Amino acid sequence: MKELVLKKTVFSYQGHSFSHDVYTCPQCGKVLIPKELAEGRIAKVEEQLEDK
């Protein structure tokens, strides 16, 4: 088992993208999206794009 590391990750949604530092597995590359990010910034971006 590897320890997760913070890594700048690019998120894309409907052709738009933003980056955020999230914990990532250095072995497989999967990311851990904390609840605060999912319900905060990601939800806000989705809402803004869907309202267009």
PDB file of N, CA and C in Angstrom:
ATOM      1  N   MET A   1       0.846  -1.174   0.000  1.00  0.00           N
ATOM      2  CA  MET A   1       0.000   0.000   0.000  1.00  0.00           C
ATOM      3  C   MET A   1       0.895   1.243   0.000  1.00  0.00           C
ATOM      4  N   LYS A   2       0.553   2.189  -0.851  1.00  0.00           N
ATOM      5  CA  LYS A   2       1.312   3.438  -0.973  1.00  0.00           C
ATOM      6  C   LYS A   2       0.580   4.556  -0.239  1.00  0.00           C
ATOM      7  N   GLU A   3       1.340   5.518   0.245  1.00  0.00           N
ATOM      8  CA  GLU A   3       0.745   6.688   0.891  1.00  0.00           C
ATOM      9  C   GLU A   3       0.304   7.676  -0.184  1.00  0.00           C
ATOM     10  N   LEU A   4      -0.864   8.269   0.000  1.00  0.00           N
ATOM     11  CA  LEU A   4      -1.370   9.246  -0.955  1.00  0.00           C
ATOM     12  C   LEU A   4      -0.512  10.502  -0.921  1.00  0.00           C
ATOM     13  N   VAL A   5      -0.370  11.144  -2.073  1.00  0.00           N
ATOM     14  CA  VAL A   5       0.409  12.374  -2.179  1.00  0.00           C
ATOM     15  C   VAL A   5      -0.453  13.470  -2.796  1.00  0.00           C
ATOM     16  N   LEU A   6      -0.202  14.710  -2.396  1.00  0.00           N
ATOM     17  CA  LEU A   6      -0.926  15.839  -2.982  1.00  0.00           C
ATOM     18  C   LEU A   6      -0.398  16.101  -4.380  1.00  0.00           C
ATOM     19  N   LYS A   7      -1.311  16.254  -5.322  1.00  0.00           N
ATOM     20  CA  LYS A   7      -0.918  16.493  -6.711  1.00  0.00           C
ATOM     21  C   LYS A   7      -1.955  17.413  -7.366  1.00  0.00           C
ATOM     22  N   LYS A   8      -1.469  18.376  -8.136  1.00  0.00           N
ATOM     23  CA  LYS A   8      -2.374  19.248  -8.869  1.00  0.00           C
ATOM     24  C   LYS A   8      -3.058  18.405  -9.940  1.00  0.00           C
ATOM     25  N   THR A   9      -4.381  18.408  -9.931  1.00  0.00           N
ATOM     26  CA  THR A   9      -5.159  17.576 -10.842  1.00  0.00           C
ATOM     27  C   THR A   9      -6.121  18.457 -11.616  1.00  0.00           C
ATOM     28  N   VAL A  10      -6.254  18.189 -12.896  1.00  0.00           N
ATOM     29  CA  VAL A  10      -7.160  18.959 -13.754  1.00  0.00           C
ATOM     30  C   VAL A  10      -8.487  18.212 -13.849  1.00  0.00           C
ATOM     31  N   PHE A  11      -9.564  18.918 -13.559  1.00  0.00           N
ATOM     32  CA  PHE A  11     -10.912  18.381 -13.670  1.00  0.00           C
ATOM     33  C   PHE A  11     -11.577  19.020 -14.883  1.00  0.00           C
ATOM     34  N   SER A  12     -12.266  18.218 -15.682  1.00  0.00           N
ATOM     35  CA  SER A  12     -12.962  18.727 -16.875  1.00  0.00           C
ATOM     36  C   SER A  12     -14.436  18.392 -16.787  1.00  0.00           C
ATOM     37  N   TYR A  13     -15.277  19.336 -17.232  1.00  0.00           N
ATOM     38  CA  TYR A  13     -16.718  19.136 -17.238  1.00  0.00           C
ATOM     39  C   TYR A  13     -17.310  19.962 -18.359  1.00  0.00           C
ATOM     40  N   GLN A  14     -17.983  19.324 -19.264  1.00  0.00           N
ATOM     41  CA  GLN A  14     -18.637  19.982 -20.404  1.00  0.00           C
ATOM     42  C   GLN A  14     -17.701  20.943 -21.135  1.00  0.00           C
ATOM     43  N   GLY A  15     -16.482  20.502 -21.378  1.00  0.00           N
ATOM     44  CA  GLY A  15     -15.538  21.301 -22.141  1.00  0.00           C
ATOM     45  C   GLY A  15     -14.809  22.369 -21.355  1.00  0.00           C
ATOM     46  N   HIS A  16     -15.088  22.518 -20.084  1.00  0.00           N
ATOM     47  CA  HIS A  16     -14.402  23.489 -19.231  1.00  0.00           C
ATOM     48  C   HIS A  16     -13.571  22.721 -18.217  1.00  0.00           C
ATOM     49  N   SER A  17     -12.493  23.342 -17.757  1.00  0.00           N
ATOM     50  CA  SER A  17     -11.643  22.650 -16.797  1.00  0.00           C
ATOM     51  C   SER A  17     -11.122  23.614 -15.742  1.00  0.00           C
ATOM     52  N   PHE A  18     -10.740  23.030 -14.594  1.00  0.00           N
ATOM     53  CA  PHE A  18     -10.077  23.768 -13.533  1.00  0.00           C
ATOM     54  C   PHE A  18      -9.155  22.792 -12.815  1.00  0.00           C
ATOM     55  N   SER A  19      -8.178  23.311 -12.109  1.00  0.00           N
ATOM     56  CA  SER A  19      -7.245  22.436 -11.401  1.00  0.00           C
ATOM     57  C   SER A  19      -7.353  22.657  -9.902  1.00  0.00           C
ATOM     58  N   HIS A  20      -6.987  21.618  -9.166  1.00  0.00           N
ATOM     59  CA  HIS A  20      -7.038  21.670  -7.706  1.00  0.00           C
ATOM     60  C   HIS A  20      -6.067  20.626  -7.167  1.00  0.00           C
ATOM     61  N   ASP A  21      -5.410  20.906  -6.050  1.00  0.00           N
ATOM     62  CA  ASP A  21      -4.536  19.921  -5.419  1.00  0.00           C
ATOM     63  C   ASP A  21      -5.385  18.919  -4.651  1.00  0.00           C
ATOM     64  N   VAL A  22      -5.273  17.649  -5.003  1.00  0.00           N
ATOM     65  CA  VAL A  22      -6.005  16.579  -4.321  1.00  0.00           C
ATOM     66  C   VAL A  22      -5.048  15.431  -4.033  1.00  0.00           C
ATOM     67  N   TYR A  23      -5.432  14.601  -3.074  1.00  0.00           N
ATOM     68  CA  TYR A  23      -4.615  13.428  -2.760  1.00  0.00           C
ATOM     69  C   TYR A  23      -4.770  12.390  -3.855  1.00  0.00           C
ATOM     70  N   THR A  24      -3.632  11.869  -4.306  1.00  0.00           N
ATOM     71  CA  THR A  24      -3.570  10.939  -5.428  1.00  0.00           C
ATOM     72  C   THR A  24      -2.717   9.742  -5.049  1.00  0.00           C
ATOM     73  N   CYS A  25      -3.088   8.573  -5.545  1.00  0.00           N
ATOM     74  CA  CYS A  25      -2.281   7.375  -5.348  1.00  0.00           C
ATOM     75  C   CYS A  25      -1.117   7.422  -6.334  1.00  0.00           C
ATOM     76  N   PRO A  26       0.131   7.394  -5.844  1.00  0.00           N
ATOM     77  CA  PRO A  26       1.270   7.470  -6.753  1.00  0.00           C
ATOM     78  C   PRO A  26       1.427   6.214  -7.607  1.00  0.00           C
ATOM     79  N   GLN A  27       0.774   5.131  -7.218  1.00  0.00           N
ATOM     80  CA  GLN A  27       0.911   3.884  -7.960  1.00  0.00           C
ATOM     81  C   GLN A  27      -0.105   3.779  -9.099  1.00  0.00           C
ATOM     82  N   CYS A  28      -1.395   4.017  -8.804  1.00  0.00           N
ATOM     83  CA  CYS A  28      -2.418   3.821  -9.838  1.00  0.00           C
ATOM     84  C   CYS A  28      -2.958   5.129 -10.415  1.00  0.00           C
ATOM     85  N   GLY A  29      -2.723   6.267  -9.731  1.00  0.00           N
ATOM     86  CA  GLY A  29      -3.163   7.555 -10.242  1.00  0.00           C
ATOM     87  C   GLY A  29      -4.581   7.950  -9.866  1.00  0.00           C
ATOM     88  N   LYS A  30      -5.300   7.095  -9.123  1.00  0.00           N
ATOM     89  CA  LYS A  30      -6.662   7.464  -8.708  1.00  0.00           C
ATOM     90  C   LYS A  30      -6.592   8.602  -7.702  1.00  0.00           C
ATOM     91  N   VAL A  31      -7.625   9.455  -7.729  1.00  0.00           N
ATOM     92  CA  VAL A  31      -7.653  10.611  -6.838  1.00  0.00           C
ATOM     93  C   VAL A  31      -8.738  10.462  -5.786  1.00  0.00           C
ATOM     94  N   LEU A  32      -8.507  11.093  -4.657  1.00  0.00           N
ATOM     95  CA  LEU A  32      -9.483  11.158  -3.579  1.00  0.00           C
ATOM     96  C   LEU A  32     -10.076  12.557  -3.607  1.00  0.00           C
ATOM     97  N   ILE A  33     -11.367  12.638  -3.889  1.00  0.00           N
ATOM     98  CA  ILE A  33     -12.037  13.936  -3.923  1.00  0.00           C
ATOM     99  C   ILE A  33     -12.744  14.125  -2.591  1.00  0.00           C
ATOM    100  N   PRO A  34     -12.261  15.049  -1.756  1.00  0.00           N
ATOM    101  CA  PRO A  34     -12.884  15.257  -0.455  1.00  0.00           C
ATOM    102  C   PRO A  34     -14.298  15.814  -0.598  1.00  0.00           C
ATOM    103  N   LYS A  35     -15.134  15.506   0.367  1.00  0.00           N
ATOM    104  CA  LYS A  35     -16.531  15.941   0.362  1.00  0.00           C
ATOM    105  C   LYS A  35     -16.639  17.460   0.190  1.00  0.00           C
ATOM    106  N   GLU A  36     -15.758  18.203   0.855  1.00  0.00           N
ATOM    107  CA  GLU A  36     -15.804  19.671   0.781  1.00  0.00           C
ATOM    108  C   GLU A  36     -15.589  20.160  -0.654  1.00  0.00           C
ATOM    109  N   LEU A  37     -14.698  19.514  -1.391  1.00  0.00           N
ATOM    110  CA  LEU A  37     -14.449  19.902  -2.779  1.00  0.00           C
ATOM    111  C   LEU A  37     -15.632  19.526  -3.664  1.00  0.00           C
ATOM    112  N   ALA A  38     -16.157  18.327  -3.472  1.00  0.00           N
ATOM    113  CA  ALA A  38     -17.288  17.854  -4.283  1.00  0.00           C
ATOM    114  C   ALA A  38     -18.527  18.710  -4.071  1.00  0.00           C
ATOM    115  N   GLU A  39     -18.804  19.059  -2.836  1.00  0.00           N
ATOM    116  CA  GLU A  39     -20.003  19.843  -2.532  1.00  0.00           C
ATOM    117  C   GLU A  39     -19.767  21.335  -2.654  1.00  0.00           C
ATOM    118  N   GLY A  40     -18.528  21.746  -2.757  1.00  0.00           N
ATOM    119  CA  GLY A  40     -18.190  23.166  -2.853  1.00  0.00           C
ATOM    120  C   GLY A  40     -17.871  23.581  -4.272  1.00  0.00           C
ATOM    121  N   ARG A  41     -16.589  23.596  -4.575  1.00  0.00           N
ATOM    122  CA  ARG A  41     -16.131  24.138  -5.861  1.00  0.00           C
ATOM    123  C   ARG A  41     -16.668  23.352  -7.062  1.00  0.00           C
ATOM    124  N   ILE A  42     -16.633  22.022  -6.996  1.00  0.00           N
ATOM    125  CA  ILE A  42     -17.104  21.221  -8.137  1.00  0.00           C
ATOM    126  C   ILE A  42     -18.591  21.454  -8.370  1.00  0.00           C
ATOM    127  N   ALA A  43     -19.380  21.451  -7.304  1.00  0.00           N
ATOM    128  CA  ALA A  43     -20.820  21.676  -7.441  1.00  0.00           C
ATOM    129  C   ALA A  43     -21.107  23.065  -8.005  1.00  0.00           C
ATOM    130  N   LYS A  44     -20.325  24.061  -7.579  1.00  0.00           N
ATOM    131  CA  LYS A  44     -20.515  25.436  -8.053  1.00  0.00           C
ATOM    132  C   LYS A  44     -20.212  25.537  -9.550  1.00  0.00           C
ATOM    133  N   VAL A  45     -19.130  24.902  -9.997  1.00  0.00           N
ATOM    134  CA  VAL A  45     -18.763  24.918 -11.409  1.00  0.00           C
ATOM    135  C   VAL A  45     -19.844  24.229 -12.237  1.00  0.00           C
ATOM    136  N   GLU A  46     -20.312  23.062 -11.791  1.00  0.00           N
ATOM    137  CA  GLU A  46     -21.377  22.347 -12.511  1.00  0.00           C
ATOM    138  C   GLU A  46     -22.624  23.207 -12.636  1.00  0.00           C
ATOM    139  N   GLU A  47     -23.012  23.844 -11.546  1.00  0.00           N
ATOM    140  CA  GLU A  47     -24.211  24.692 -11.536  1.00  0.00           C
ATOM    141  C   GLU A  47     -24.073  25.847 -12.516  1.00  0.00           C
ATOM    142  N   GLN A  48     -22.921  26.511 -12.521  1.00  0.00           N
ATOM    143  CA  GLN A  48     -22.705  27.645 -13.416  1.00  0.00           C
ATOM    144  C   GLN A  48     -22.758  27.218 -14.876  1.00  0.00           C
ATOM    145  N   LEU A  49     -22.165  26.071 -15.187  1.00  0.00           N
ATOM    146  CA  LEU A  49     -22.137  25.608 -16.578  1.00  0.00           C
ATOM    147  C   LEU A  49     -23.504  25.138 -17.034  1.00  0.00           C
ATOM    148  N   GLU A  50     -24.261  24.506 -16.159  1.00  0.00           N
ATOM    149  CA  GLU A  50     -25.581  23.995 -16.545  1.00  0.00           C
ATOM    150  C   GLU A  50     -26.605  25.119 -16.685  1.00  0.00           C
ATOM    151  N   ASP A  51     -26.359  26.254 -16.027  1.00  0.00           N
ATOM    152  CA  ASP A  51     -27.276  27.390 -16.131  1.00  0.00           C
ATOM    153  C   ASP A  51     -27.112  28.145 -17.434  1.00  0.00           C
ATOM    154  N   LYS A  52     -26.040  27.865 -18.176  1.00  0.00           N
ATOM    155  CA  LYS A  52     -25.776  28.569 -19.446  1.00  0.00           C
ATOM    156  C   LYS A  52     -26.660  28.041 -20.531  1.00  0.00           C
TER     157      LYS A  52
END
